[in-house]
């Protein structure tokens, strides 16, 4: 759930702000191109913002029990903490290029479909 929240918040906020900023910077620019550019920016933020949660989710799913029968992590915060302590903060973004290849097109298609639908319903 945290991953989904981070993904959608990063995607929606960045798209709206990016589109508004690009339109202000280039008012005579191709509107569709500016929307695609804002979608690409949103996809980058979406991937970078949600990957730490995705990595922690994966670690929690794949965790093992210790020799004493205890789980490796006691929860989300513990997994974040142990990951940062043992592997460093950059470990939260391991696999970003591959992850972006998965979420980037998702964000681009979703935002452009929403834009088309908004224009279609406003017409």
PDB file of N, CA and C in Angstrom:
ATOM      1  N   UNK A   1       0.818  -1.181   0.000  1.00  0.00           N
ATOM      2  CA  UNK A   1       0.000   0.000   0.000  1.00  0.00           C
ATOM      3  C   UNK A   1       0.874   1.263   0.000  1.00  0.00           C
ATOM      4  N   UNK A   2       1.964   1.239   0.766  1.00  0.00           N
ATOM      5  CA  UNK A   2       2.861   2.397   0.788  1.00  0.00           C
ATOM      6  C   UNK A   2       3.504   2.625  -0.578  1.00  0.00           C
ATOM      7  N   UNK A   3       3.862   1.545  -1.234  1.00  0.00           N
ATOM      8  CA  UNK A   3       4.453   1.656  -2.574  1.00  0.00           C
ATOM      9  C   UNK A   3       3.457   2.288  -3.536  1.00  0.00           C
ATOM     10  N   UNK A   4       2.225   1.838  -3.486  1.00  0.00           N
ATOM     11  CA  UNK A   4       1.199   2.376  -4.381  1.00  0.00           C
ATOM     12  C   UNK A   4       0.937   3.850  -4.100  1.00  0.00           C
ATOM     13  N   UNK A   5       0.919   4.227  -2.829  1.00  0.00           N
ATOM     14  CA  UNK A   5       0.729   5.635  -2.474  1.00  0.00           C
ATOM     15  C   UNK A   5       1.882   6.483  -2.983  1.00  0.00           C
ATOM     16  N   UNK A   6       3.105   6.024  -2.775  1.00  0.00           N
ATOM     17  CA  UNK A   6       4.277   6.766  -3.239  1.00  0.00           C
ATOM     18  C   UNK A   6       4.272   6.873  -4.762  1.00  0.00           C
ATOM     19  N   UNK A   7       3.903   5.789  -5.424  1.00  0.00           N
ATOM     20  CA  UNK A   7       3.877   5.771  -6.882  1.00  0.00           C
ATOM     21  C   UNK A   7       2.855   6.768  -7.422  1.00  0.00           C
ATOM     22  N   UNK A   8       1.645   6.703  -6.916  1.00  0.00           N
ATOM     23  CA  UNK A   8       0.585   7.567  -7.432  1.00  0.00           C
ATOM     24  C   UNK A   8       0.784   9.024  -7.046  1.00  0.00           C
ATOM     25  N   UNK A   9       1.243   9.269  -5.835  1.00  0.00           N
ATOM     26  CA  UNK A   9       1.483  10.641  -5.422  1.00  0.00           C
ATOM     27  C   UNK A   9       2.591  11.259  -6.273  1.00  0.00           C
ATOM     28  N   UNK A  10       3.686  10.525  -6.448  1.00  0.00           N
ATOM     29  CA  UNK A  10       4.773  11.037  -7.277  1.00  0.00           C
ATOM     30  C   UNK A  10       4.337  11.265  -8.710  1.00  0.00           C
ATOM     31  N   UNK A  11       3.537  10.354  -9.221  1.00  0.00           N
ATOM     32  CA  UNK A  11       3.097  10.445 -10.607  1.00  0.00           C
ATOM     33  C   UNK A  11       2.135  11.618 -10.811  1.00  0.00           C
ATOM     34  N   UNK A  12       1.119  11.711  -9.990  1.00  0.00           N
ATOM     35  CA  UNK A  12       0.086  12.736 -10.191  1.00  0.00           C
ATOM     36  C   UNK A  12       0.589  14.146  -9.896  1.00  0.00           C
ATOM     37  N   UNK A  13       1.265  14.308  -8.773  1.00  0.00           N
ATOM     38  CA  UNK A  13       1.748  15.642  -8.387  1.00  0.00           C
ATOM     39  C   UNK A  13       2.778  16.152  -9.388  1.00  0.00           C
ATOM     40  N   UNK A  14       3.725  15.299  -9.741  1.00  0.00           N
ATOM     41  CA  UNK A  14       4.772  15.717 -10.675  1.00  0.00           C
ATOM     42  C   UNK A  14       4.185  16.034 -12.044  1.00  0.00           C
ATOM     43  N   UNK A  15       3.228  15.239 -12.484  1.00  0.00           N
ATOM     44  CA  UNK A  15       2.632  15.497 -13.795  1.00  0.00           C
ATOM     45  C   UNK A  15       1.927  16.846 -13.810  1.00  0.00           C
ATOM     46  N   UNK A  16       1.081  17.096 -12.827  1.00  0.00           N
ATOM     47  CA  UNK A  16       0.336  18.358 -12.799  1.00  0.00           C
ATOM     48  C   UNK A  16       1.267  19.560 -12.702  1.00  0.00           C
ATOM     49  N   UNK A  17       2.223  19.495 -11.786  1.00  0.00           N
ATOM     50  CA  UNK A  17       3.164  20.610 -11.624  1.00  0.00           C
ATOM     51  C   UNK A  17       4.073  20.747 -12.841  1.00  0.00           C
ATOM     52  N   UNK A  18       4.551  19.629 -13.362  1.00  0.00           N
ATOM     53  CA  UNK A  18       5.426  19.667 -14.529  1.00  0.00           C
ATOM     54  C   UNK A  18       4.719  20.235 -15.748  1.00  0.00           C
ATOM     55  N   UNK A  19       3.493  19.813 -15.973  1.00  0.00           N
ATOM     56  CA  UNK A  19       2.735  20.306 -17.123  1.00  0.00           C
ATOM     57  C   UNK A  19       2.493  21.807 -16.994  1.00  0.00           C
ATOM     58  N   UNK A  20       2.104  22.231 -15.817  1.00  0.00           N
ATOM     59  CA  UNK A  20       1.851  23.653 -15.588  1.00  0.00           C
ATOM     60  C   UNK A  20       3.124  24.482 -15.804  1.00  0.00           C
ATOM     61  N   UNK A  21       4.233  24.002 -15.268  1.00  0.00           N
ATOM     62  CA  UNK A  21       5.511  24.718 -15.411  1.00  0.00           C
ATOM     63  C   UNK A  21       5.958  24.765 -16.861  1.00  0.00           C
ATOM     64  N   UNK A  22       5.864  23.640 -17.558  1.00  0.00           N
ATOM     65  CA  UNK A  22       6.272  23.608 -18.964  1.00  0.00           C
ATOM     66  C   UNK A  22       5.409  24.526 -19.819  1.00  0.00           C
ATOM     67  N   UNK A  23       4.128  24.573 -19.559  1.00  0.00           N
ATOM     68  CA  UNK A  23       3.230  25.442 -20.326  1.00  0.00           C
ATOM     69  C   UNK A  23       3.557  26.908 -20.055  1.00  0.00           C
ATOM     70  N   UNK A  24       3.903  27.236 -18.801  1.00  0.00           N
ATOM     71  CA  UNK A  24       4.294  28.619 -18.486  1.00  0.00           C
ATOM     72  C   UNK A  24       5.617  28.983 -19.156  1.00  0.00           C
ATOM     73  N   UNK A  25       6.555  28.027 -19.197  1.00  0.00           N
ATOM     74  CA  UNK A  25       7.859  28.278 -19.809  1.00  0.00           C
ATOM     75  C   UNK A  25       7.766  28.379 -21.327  1.00  0.00           C
ATOM     76  N   UNK A  26       6.876  27.589 -21.931  1.00  0.00           N
ATOM     77  CA  UNK A  26       6.743  27.555 -23.390  1.00  0.00           C
ATOM     78  C   UNK A  26       5.268  27.654 -23.778  1.00  0.00           C
ATOM     79  N   UNK A  27       4.666  28.831 -23.597  1.00  0.00           N
ATOM     80  CA  UNK A  27       3.220  28.952 -23.873  1.00  0.00           C
ATOM     81  C   UNK A  27       2.837  28.676 -25.327  1.00  0.00           C
ATOM     82  N   UNK A  28       3.767  28.880 -26.254  1.00  0.00           N
ATOM     83  CA  UNK A  28       3.479  28.631 -27.667  1.00  0.00           C
ATOM     84  C   UNK A  28       3.894  27.230 -28.106  1.00  0.00           C
ATOM     85  N   UNK A  29       4.390  26.430 -27.165  1.00  0.00           N
ATOM     86  CA  UNK A  29       4.872  25.088 -27.496  1.00  0.00           C
ATOM     87  C   UNK A  29       3.741  24.129 -27.842  1.00  0.00           C
ATOM     88  N   UNK A  30       4.109  23.036 -28.460  1.00  0.00           N
ATOM     89  CA  UNK A  30       3.159  21.982 -28.808  1.00  0.00           C
ATOM     90  C   UNK A  30       2.596  21.391 -27.516  1.00  0.00           C
ATOM     91  N   UNK A  31       1.311  21.571 -27.303  1.00  0.00           N
ATOM     92  CA  UNK A  31       0.682  21.160 -26.042  1.00  0.00           C
ATOM     93  C   UNK A  31       0.844  19.657 -25.784  1.00  0.00           C
ATOM     94  N   UNK A  32       0.667  18.845 -26.796  1.00  0.00           N
ATOM     95  CA  UNK A  32       0.789  17.394 -26.643  1.00  0.00           C
ATOM     96  C   UNK A  32       2.215  17.003 -26.257  1.00  0.00           C
ATOM     97  N   UNK A  33       3.203  17.632 -26.889  1.00  0.00           N
ATOM     98  CA  UNK A  33       4.597  17.356 -26.561  1.00  0.00           C
ATOM     99  C   UNK A  33       4.899  17.743 -25.113  1.00  0.00           C
ATOM    100  N   UNK A  34       4.375  18.878 -24.666  1.00  0.00           N
ATOM    101  CA  UNK A  34       4.582  19.306 -23.283  1.00  0.00           C
ATOM    102  C   UNK A  34       3.946  18.322 -22.303  1.00  0.00           C
ATOM    103  N   UNK A  35       2.797  17.786 -22.663  1.00  0.00           N
ATOM    104  CA  UNK A  35       2.131  16.791 -21.810  1.00  0.00           C
ATOM    105  C   UNK A  35       2.954  15.499 -21.746  1.00  0.00           C
ATOM    106  N   UNK A  36       3.521  15.092 -22.850  1.00  0.00           N
ATOM    107  CA  UNK A  36       4.365  13.890 -22.868  1.00  0.00           C
ATOM    108  C   UNK A  36       5.625  14.135 -22.041  1.00  0.00           C
ATOM    109  N   UNK A  37       6.220  15.320 -22.174  1.00  0.00           N
ATOM    110  CA  UNK A  37       7.408  15.653 -21.382  1.00  0.00           C
ATOM    111  C   UNK A  37       7.084  15.623 -19.887  1.00  0.00           C
ATOM    112  N   UNK A  38       5.931  16.168 -19.512  1.00  0.00           N
ATOM    113  CA  UNK A  38       5.505  16.143 -18.104  1.00  0.00           C
ATOM    114  C   UNK A  38       5.272  14.704 -17.646  1.00  0.00           C
ATOM    115  N   UNK A  39       4.765  13.862 -18.523  1.00  0.00           N
ATOM    116  CA  UNK A  39       4.553  12.452 -18.194  1.00  0.00           C
ATOM    117  C   UNK A  39       5.877  11.741 -17.953  1.00  0.00           C
ATOM    118  N   UNK A  40       6.872  12.051 -18.747  1.00  0.00           N
ATOM    119  CA  UNK A  40       8.193  11.432 -18.578  1.00  0.00           C
ATOM    120  C   UNK A  40       8.801  11.873 -17.245  1.00  0.00           C
ATOM    121  N   UNK A  41       8.671  13.160 -16.921  1.00  0.00           N
ATOM    122  CA  UNK A  41       9.168  13.638 -15.623  1.00  0.00           C
ATOM    123  C   UNK A  41       8.448  12.920 -14.485  1.00  0.00           C
ATOM    124  N   UNK A  42       7.141  12.772 -14.628  1.00  0.00           N
ATOM    125  CA  UNK A  42       6.349  12.099 -13.603  1.00  0.00           C
ATOM    126  C   UNK A  42       6.759  10.636 -13.458  1.00  0.00           C
ATOM    127  N   UNK A  43       7.070  10.004 -14.571  1.00  0.00           N
ATOM    128  CA  UNK A  43       7.492   8.599 -14.526  1.00  0.00           C
ATOM    129  C   UNK A  43       8.807   8.439 -13.778  1.00  0.00           C
ATOM    130  N   UNK A  44       9.721   9.385 -13.967  1.00  0.00           N
ATOM    131  CA  UNK A  44      11.002   9.336 -13.251  1.00  0.00           C
ATOM    132  C   UNK A  44      10.787   9.477 -11.752  1.00  0.00           C
ATOM    133  N   UNK A  45       9.992  10.451 -11.356  1.00  0.00           N
ATOM    134  CA  UNK A  45       9.714  10.659  -9.930  1.00  0.00           C
ATOM    135  C   UNK A  45       8.942   9.473  -9.358  1.00  0.00           C
ATOM    136  N   UNK A  46       8.024   8.962 -10.131  1.00  0.00           N
ATOM    137  CA  UNK A  46       7.236   7.793  -9.720  1.00  0.00           C
ATOM    138  C   UNK A  46       8.150   6.606  -9.425  1.00  0.00           C
ATOM    139  N   UNK A  47       9.072   6.338 -10.307  1.00  0.00           N
ATOM    140  CA  UNK A  47       9.995   5.219 -10.116  1.00  0.00           C
ATOM    141  C   UNK A  47      10.930   5.435  -8.941  1.00  0.00           C
ATOM    142  N   UNK A  48      11.541   6.614  -8.881  1.00  0.00           N
ATOM    143  CA  UNK A  48      12.497   6.901  -7.810  1.00  0.00           C
ATOM    144  C   UNK A  48      11.818   6.958  -6.439  1.00  0.00           C
ATOM    145  N   UNK A  49      10.582   7.429  -6.406  1.00  0.00           N
ATOM    146  CA  UNK A  49       9.875   7.549  -5.127  1.00  0.00           C
ATOM    147  C   UNK A  49       9.286   6.249  -4.608  1.00  0.00           C
ATOM    148  N   UNK A  50       8.938   5.363  -5.505  1.00  0.00           N
ATOM    149  CA  UNK A  50       8.277   4.133  -5.060  1.00  0.00           C
ATOM    150  C   UNK A  50       9.215   2.932  -4.966  1.00  0.00           C
ATOM    151  N   UNK A  51      10.392   2.996  -5.595  1.00  0.00           N
ATOM    152  CA  UNK A  51      11.298   1.849  -5.576  1.00  0.00           C
ATOM    153  C   UNK A  51      11.741   1.444  -4.171  1.00  0.00           C
ATOM    154  N   UNK A  52      12.065   2.377  -3.268  1.00  0.00           N
ATOM    155  CA  UNK A  52      12.439   1.928  -1.927  1.00  0.00           C
ATOM    156  C   UNK A  52      11.355   1.070  -1.275  1.00  0.00           C
ATOM    157  N   UNK A  53      10.108   1.444  -1.456  1.00  0.00           N
ATOM    158  CA  UNK A  53       9.000   0.675  -0.890  1.00  0.00           C
ATOM    159  C   UNK A  53       8.864  -0.678  -1.589  1.00  0.00           C
ATOM    160  N   UNK A  54       9.113  -0.697  -2.896  1.00  0.00           N
ATOM    161  CA  UNK A  54       9.053  -1.953  -3.630  1.00  0.00           C
ATOM    162  C   UNK A  54      10.175  -2.889  -3.185  1.00  0.00           C
ATOM    163  N   UNK A  55      11.368  -2.351  -2.996  1.00  0.00           N
ATOM    164  CA  UNK A  55      12.488  -3.178  -2.535  1.00  0.00           C
ATOM    165  C   UNK A  55      12.226  -3.744  -1.145  1.00  0.00           C
ATOM    166  N   UNK A  56      11.680  -2.917  -0.254  1.00  0.00           N
ATOM    167  CA  UNK A  56      11.363  -3.397   1.103  1.00  0.00           C
ATOM    168  C   UNK A  56      10.262  -4.450   1.040  1.00  0.00           C
ATOM    169  N   UNK A  57       9.258  -4.224   0.203  1.00  0.00           N
ATOM    170  CA  UNK A  57       8.177  -5.212   0.042  1.00  0.00           C
ATOM    171  C   UNK A  57       8.746  -6.548  -0.404  1.00  0.00           C
ATOM    172  N   UNK A  58       9.652  -6.505  -1.361  1.00  0.00           N
ATOM    173  CA  UNK A  58      10.267  -7.728  -1.866  1.00  0.00           C
ATOM    174  C   UNK A  58      11.081  -8.424  -0.773  1.00  0.00           C
ATOM    175  N   UNK A  59      11.843  -7.653  -0.003  1.00  0.00           N
ATOM    176  CA  UNK A  59      12.629  -8.244   1.083  1.00  0.00           C
ATOM    177  C   UNK A  59      11.724  -8.882   2.134  1.00  0.00           C
ATOM    178  N   UNK A  60      10.613  -8.241   2.436  1.00  0.00           N
ATOM    179  CA  UNK A  60       9.682  -8.810   3.411  1.00  0.00           C
ATOM    180  C   UNK A  60       9.060 -10.099   2.878  1.00  0.00           C
ATOM    181  N   UNK A  61       8.757 -10.128   1.592  1.00  0.00           N
ATOM    182  CA  UNK A  61       8.177 -11.328   0.996  1.00  0.00           C
ATOM    183  C   UNK A  61       9.169 -12.488   0.955  1.00  0.00           C
ATOM    184  N   UNK A  62      10.443 -12.165   0.767  1.00  0.00           N
ATOM    185  CA  UNK A  62      11.461 -13.204   0.618  1.00  0.00           C
ATOM    186  C   UNK A  62      12.219 -13.501   1.912  1.00  0.00           C
ATOM    187  N   UNK A  63      11.815 -12.872   3.012  1.00  0.00           N
ATOM    188  CA  UNK A  63      12.573 -13.061   4.254  1.00  0.00           C
ATOM    189  C   UNK A  63      12.531 -14.507   4.732  1.00  0.00           C
ATOM    190  N   UNK A  64      13.534 -14.840   5.473  1.00  0.00           N
ATOM    191  CA  UNK A  64      13.663 -16.190   6.002  1.00  0.00           C
ATOM    192  C   UNK A  64      13.632 -16.136   7.521  1.00  0.00           C
ATOM    193  N   UNK A  65      13.505 -17.283   8.107  1.00  0.00           N
ATOM    194  CA  UNK A  65      13.548 -17.373   9.572  1.00  0.00           C
ATOM    195  C   UNK A  65      14.985 -17.657  10.002  1.00  0.00           C
ATOM    196  N   UNK A  66      15.367 -17.040  11.107  1.00  0.00           N
ATOM    197  CA  UNK A  66      16.707 -17.278  11.645  1.00  0.00           C
ATOM    198  C   UNK A  66      16.764 -18.672  12.265  1.00  0.00           C
ATOM    199  N   UNK A  67      17.942 -19.066  12.716  1.00  0.00           N
ATOM    200  CA  UNK A  67      18.102 -20.378  13.358  1.00  0.00           C
ATOM    201  C   UNK A  67      17.233 -20.519  14.603  1.00  0.00           C
ATOM    202  N   UNK A  68      16.928 -19.388  15.242  1.00  0.00           N
ATOM    203  CA  UNK A  68      16.082 -19.412  16.444  1.00  0.00           C
ATOM    204  C   UNK A  68      14.593 -19.385  16.091  1.00  0.00           C
ATOM    205  N   UNK A  69      14.258 -19.357  14.827  1.00  0.00           N
ATOM    206  CA  UNK A  69      12.863 -19.384  14.397  1.00  0.00           C
ATOM    207  C   UNK A  69      12.224 -18.016  14.252  1.00  0.00           C
ATOM    208  N   UNK A  70      12.999 -16.965  14.429  1.00  0.00           N
ATOM    209  CA  UNK A  70      12.470 -15.607  14.295  1.00  0.00           C
ATOM    210  C   UNK A  70      12.561 -15.146  12.844  1.00  0.00           C
ATOM    211  N   UNK A  71      11.664 -14.254  12.493  1.00  0.00           N
ATOM    212  CA  UNK A  71      11.722 -13.683  11.152  1.00  0.00           C
ATOM    213  C   UNK A  71      12.902 -12.724  11.057  1.00  0.00           C
ATOM    214  N   UNK A  72      13.371 -12.548   9.859  1.00  0.00           N
ATOM    215  CA  UNK A  72      14.518 -11.674   9.611  1.00  0.00           C
ATOM    216  C   UNK A  72      14.178 -10.209   9.921  1.00  0.00           C
ATOM    217  N   UNK A  73      12.950  -9.796   9.604  1.00  0.00           N
ATOM    218  CA  UNK A  73      12.500  -8.424   9.841  1.00  0.00           C
ATOM    219  C   UNK A  73      11.203  -8.453  10.645  1.00  0.00           C
ATOM    220  N   UNK A  74      11.051  -7.474  11.534  1.00  0.00           N
ATOM    221  CA  UNK A  74       9.821  -7.423  12.326  1.00  0.00           C
ATOM    222  C   UNK A  74       8.731  -6.596  11.654  1.00  0.00           C
ATOM    223  N   UNK A  75       9.078  -5.879  10.596  1.00  0.00           N
ATOM    224  CA  UNK A  75       8.092  -5.073   9.885  1.00  0.00           C
ATOM    225  C   UNK A  75       8.759  -4.155   8.881  1.00  0.00           C
ATOM    226  N   UNK A  76       7.974  -3.232   8.365  1.00  0.00           N
ATOM    227  CA  UNK A  76       8.448  -2.326   7.321  1.00  0.00           C
ATOM    228  C   UNK A  76       9.583  -1.438   7.828  1.00  0.00           C
ATOM    229  N   UNK A  77       9.363  -0.781   8.962  1.00  0.00           N
ATOM    230  CA  UNK A  77      10.387   0.131   9.496  1.00  0.00           C
ATOM    231  C   UNK A  77      11.672  -0.624   9.821  1.00  0.00           C
ATOM    232  N   UNK A  78      11.545  -1.815  10.370  1.00  0.00           N
ATOM    233  CA  UNK A  78      12.719  -2.620  10.700  1.00  0.00           C
ATOM    234  C   UNK A  78      13.475  -3.008   9.431  1.00  0.00           C
ATOM    235  N   UNK A  79      12.752  -3.335   8.391  1.00  0.00           N
ATOM    236  CA  UNK A  79      13.383  -3.709   7.127  1.00  0.00           C
ATOM    237  C   UNK A  79      14.125  -2.508   6.529  1.00  0.00           C
ATOM    238  N   UNK A  80      13.499  -1.337   6.540  1.00  0.00           N
ATOM    239  CA  UNK A  80      14.177  -0.124   6.072  1.00  0.00           C
ATOM    240  C   UNK A  80      15.456   0.099   6.868  1.00  0.00           C
ATOM    241  N   UNK A  81      15.325   0.051   8.179  1.00  0.00           N
ATOM    242  CA  UNK A  81      16.457   0.313   9.075  1.00  0.00           C
ATOM    243  C   UNK A  81      17.606  -0.669   8.851  1.00  0.00           C
ATOM    244  N   UNK A  82      17.296  -1.948   8.829  1.00  0.00           N
ATOM    245  CA  UNK A  82      18.335  -2.962   8.639  1.00  0.00           C
ATOM    246  C   UNK A  82      18.972  -2.877   7.255  1.00  0.00           C
ATOM    247  N   UNK A  83      18.188  -2.560   6.262  1.00  0.00           N
ATOM    248  CA  UNK A  83      18.727  -2.426   4.910  1.00  0.00           C
ATOM    249  C   UNK A  83      19.714  -1.261   4.852  1.00  0.00           C
ATOM    250  N   UNK A  84      19.332  -0.141   5.414  1.00  0.00           N
ATOM    251  CA  UNK A  84      20.206   1.038   5.392  1.00  0.00           C
ATOM    252  C   UNK A  84      21.473   0.788   6.203  1.00  0.00           C
ATOM    253  N   UNK A  85      21.321   0.160   7.361  1.00  0.00           N
ATOM    254  CA  UNK A  85      22.486  -0.117   8.206  1.00  0.00           C
ATOM    255  C   UNK A  85      23.456  -1.097   7.556  1.00  0.00           C
ATOM    256  N   UNK A  86      22.937  -2.137   6.932  1.00  0.00           N
ATOM    257  CA  UNK A  86      23.821  -3.178   6.400  1.00  0.00           C
ATOM    258  C   UNK A  86      24.293  -2.913   4.969  1.00  0.00           C
ATOM    259  N   UNK A  87      23.463  -2.243   4.157  1.00  0.00           N
ATOM    260  CA  UNK A  87      23.802  -2.074   2.748  1.00  0.00           C
ATOM    261  C   UNK A  87      23.983  -0.621   2.327  1.00  0.00           C
ATOM    262  N   UNK A  88      23.594   0.314   3.190  1.00  0.00           N
ATOM    263  CA  UNK A  88      23.668   1.730   2.850  1.00  0.00           C
ATOM    264  C   UNK A  88      22.368   2.227   2.236  1.00  0.00           C
ATOM    265  N   UNK A  89      22.194   3.523   2.256  1.00  0.00           N
ATOM    266  CA  UNK A  89      20.957   4.136   1.772  1.00  0.00           C
ATOM    267  C   UNK A  89      20.728   3.873   0.279  1.00  0.00           C
ATOM    268  N   UNK A  90      21.803   3.783  -0.486  1.00  0.00           N
ATOM    269  CA  UNK A  90      21.665   3.555  -1.930  1.00  0.00           C
ATOM    270  C   UNK A  90      21.052   2.194  -2.247  1.00  0.00           C
ATOM    271  N   UNK A  91      21.097   1.271  -1.301  1.00  0.00           N
ATOM    272  CA  UNK A  91      20.521  -0.058  -1.533  1.00  0.00           C
ATOM    273  C   UNK A  91      19.012   0.002  -1.763  1.00  0.00           C
ATOM    274  N   UNK A  92      18.379   1.064  -1.294  1.00  0.00           N
ATOM    275  CA  UNK A  92      16.935   1.195  -1.494  1.00  0.00           C
ATOM    276  C   UNK A  92      16.581   1.425  -2.962  1.00  0.00           C
ATOM    277  N   UNK A  93      17.558   1.875  -3.750  1.00  0.00           N
ATOM    278  CA  UNK A  93      17.313   2.150  -5.164  1.00  0.00           C
ATOM    279  C   UNK A  93      18.010   1.160  -6.089  1.00  0.00           C
ATOM    280  N   UNK A  94      18.385   0.005  -5.553  1.00  0.00           N
ATOM    281  CA  UNK A  94      18.989  -1.031  -6.391  1.00  0.00           C
ATOM    282  C   UNK A  94      17.962  -1.480  -7.427  1.00  0.00           C
ATOM    283  N   UNK A  95      18.372  -1.527  -8.669  1.00  0.00           N
ATOM    284  CA  UNK A  95      17.487  -1.968  -9.742  1.00  0.00           C
ATOM    285  C   UNK A  95      16.653  -0.860 -10.347  1.00  0.00           C
ATOM    286  N   UNK A  96      17.015   0.404 -10.122  1.00  0.00           N
ATOM    287  CA  UNK A  96      16.207   1.518 -10.629  1.00  0.00           C
ATOM    288  C   UNK A  96      16.023   1.501 -12.149  1.00  0.00           C
ATOM    289  N   UNK A  97      17.055   1.272 -12.947  1.00  0.00           N
ATOM    290  CA  UNK A  97      16.822   1.260 -14.405  1.00  0.00           C
ATOM    291  C   UNK A  97      15.784   0.214 -14.830  1.00  0.00           C
ATOM    292  N   UNK A  98      15.890  -0.973 -14.266  1.00  0.00           N
ATOM    293  CA  UNK A  98      14.931  -2.032 -14.603  1.00  0.00           C
ATOM    294  C   UNK A  98      13.535  -1.682 -14.113  1.00  0.00           C
ATOM    295  N   UNK A  99      13.468  -1.151 -12.902  1.00  0.00           N
ATOM    296  CA  UNK A  99      12.175  -0.758 -12.328  1.00  0.00           C
ATOM    297  C   UNK A  99      11.547   0.350 -13.165  1.00  0.00           C
ATOM    298  N   UNK A 100      12.368   1.302 -13.608  1.00  0.00           N
ATOM    299  CA  UNK A 100      11.838   2.383 -14.439  1.00  0.00           C
ATOM    300  C   UNK A 100      11.276   1.843 -15.751  1.00  0.00           C
ATOM    301  N   UNK A 101      11.915   0.833 -16.312  1.00  0.00           N
ATOM    302  CA  UNK A 101      11.396   0.229 -17.544  1.00  0.00           C
ATOM    303  C   UNK A 101      10.017  -0.377 -17.332  1.00  0.00           C
ATOM    304  N   UNK A 102       9.712  -0.732 -16.095  1.00  0.00           N
ATOM    305  CA  UNK A 102       8.398  -1.281 -15.787  1.00  0.00           C
ATOM    306  C   UNK A 102       7.385  -0.186 -15.481  1.00  0.00           C
ATOM    307  N   UNK A 103       7.750   0.774 -14.622  1.00  0.00           N
ATOM    308  CA  UNK A 103       6.775   1.778 -14.203  1.00  0.00           C
ATOM    309  C   UNK A 103       6.725   2.990 -15.129  1.00  0.00           C
ATOM    310  N   UNK A 104       7.807   3.248 -15.874  1.00  0.00           N
ATOM    311  CA  UNK A 104       7.822   4.389 -16.786  1.00  0.00           C
ATOM    312  C   UNK A 104       6.712   4.331 -17.828  1.00  0.00           C
ATOM    313  N   UNK A 105       6.630   3.253 -18.594  1.00  0.00           N
ATOM    314  CA  UNK A 105       5.540   3.157 -19.572  1.00  0.00           C
ATOM    315  C   UNK A 105       4.154   3.179 -18.910  1.00  0.00           C
ATOM    316  N   UNK A 106       4.050   2.568 -17.738  1.00  0.00           N
ATOM    317  CA  UNK A 106       2.777   2.582 -17.010  1.00  0.00           C
ATOM    318  C   UNK A 106       2.348   4.018 -16.724  1.00  0.00           C
ATOM    319  N   UNK A 107       3.274   4.820 -16.203  1.00  0.00           N
ATOM    320  CA  UNK A 107       2.958   6.211 -15.878  1.00  0.00           C
ATOM    321  C   UNK A 107       2.627   7.004 -17.146  1.00  0.00           C
ATOM    322  N   UNK A 108       3.430   6.833 -18.169  1.00  0.00           N
ATOM    323  CA  UNK A 108       3.218   7.563 -19.415  1.00  0.00           C
ATOM    324  C   UNK A 108       1.848   7.247 -20.022  1.00  0.00           C
ATOM    325  N   UNK A 109       1.533   5.982 -20.113  1.00  0.00           N
ATOM    326  CA  UNK A 109       0.252   5.576 -20.701  1.00  0.00           C
ATOM    327  C   UNK A 109      -0.918   6.018 -19.823  1.00  0.00           C
ATOM    328  N   UNK A 110      -0.795   5.827 -18.524  1.00  0.00           N
ATOM    329  CA  UNK A 110      -1.872   6.204 -17.611  1.00  0.00           C
ATOM    330  C   UNK A 110      -2.160   7.696 -17.671  1.00  0.00           C
ATOM    331  N   UNK A 111      -1.107   8.504 -17.621  1.00  0.00           N
ATOM    332  CA  UNK A 111      -1.302   9.955 -17.623  1.00  0.00           C
ATOM    333  C   UNK A 111      -1.835  10.460 -18.955  1.00  0.00           C
ATOM    334  N   UNK A 112      -1.354   9.901 -20.050  1.00  0.00           N
ATOM    335  CA  UNK A 112      -1.854  10.337 -21.353  1.00  0.00           C
ATOM    336  C   UNK A 112      -3.296   9.880 -21.575  1.00  0.00           C
ATOM    337  N   UNK A 113      -3.644   8.696 -21.088  1.00  0.00           N
ATOM    338  CA  UNK A 113      -5.035   8.233 -21.186  1.00  0.00           C
ATOM    339  C   UNK A 113      -5.949   9.104 -20.334  1.00  0.00           C
ATOM    340  N   UNK A 114      -5.490   9.481 -19.151  1.00  0.00           N
ATOM    341  CA  UNK A 114      -6.285  10.361 -18.283  1.00  0.00           C
ATOM    342  C   UNK A 114      -6.466  11.734 -18.927  1.00  0.00           C
ATOM    343  N   UNK A 115      -5.409  12.225 -19.566  1.00  0.00           N
ATOM    344  CA  UNK A 115      -5.478  13.524 -20.247  1.00  0.00           C
ATOM    345  C   UNK A 115      -6.475  13.458 -21.411  1.00  0.00           C
ATOM    346  N   UNK A 116      -6.402  12.380 -22.182  1.00  0.00           N
ATOM    347  CA  UNK A 116      -7.334  12.209 -23.299  1.00  0.00           C
ATOM    348  C   UNK A 116      -8.771  12.121 -22.779  1.00  0.00           C
ATOM    349  N   UNK A 117      -8.972  11.345 -21.732  1.00  0.00           N
ATOM    350  CA  UNK A 117     -10.314  11.181 -21.178  1.00  0.00           C
ATOM    351  C   UNK A 117     -10.856  12.501 -20.626  1.00  0.00           C
ATOM    352  N   UNK A 118      -9.998  13.276 -19.965  1.00  0.00           N
ATOM    353  CA  UNK A 118     -10.424  14.564 -19.434  1.00  0.00           C
ATOM    354  C   UNK A 118     -10.864  15.472 -20.578  1.00  0.00           C
ATOM    355  N   UNK A 119     -10.084  15.521 -21.651  1.00  0.00           N
ATOM    356  CA  UNK A 119     -10.435  16.363 -22.797  1.00  0.00           C
ATOM    357  C   UNK A 119     -11.697  15.861 -23.494  1.00  0.00           C
ATOM    358  N   UNK A 120     -11.837  14.542 -23.573  1.00  0.00           N
ATOM    359  CA  UNK A 120     -13.006  13.939 -24.207  1.00  0.00           C
ATOM    360  C   UNK A 120     -14.277  14.264 -23.422  1.00  0.00           C
ATOM    361  N   UNK A 121     -14.200  14.177 -22.095  1.00  0.00           N
ATOM    362  CA  UNK A 121     -15.367  14.445 -21.265  1.00  0.00           C
ATOM    363  C   UNK A 121     -15.699  15.934 -21.181  1.00  0.00           C
ATOM    364  N   UNK A 122     -14.685  16.779 -21.334  1.00  0.00           N
ATOM    365  CA  UNK A 122     -14.919  18.238 -21.321  1.00  0.00           C
ATOM    366  C   UNK A 122     -15.537  18.734 -22.619  1.00  0.00           C
ATOM    367  N   UNK A 123     -15.367  17.956 -23.696  1.00  0.00           N
ATOM    368  CA  UNK A 123     -15.862  18.395 -25.012  1.00  0.00           C
ATOM    369  C   UNK A 123     -17.364  18.297 -25.123  1.00  0.00           C
TER     370      UNK A 123
END
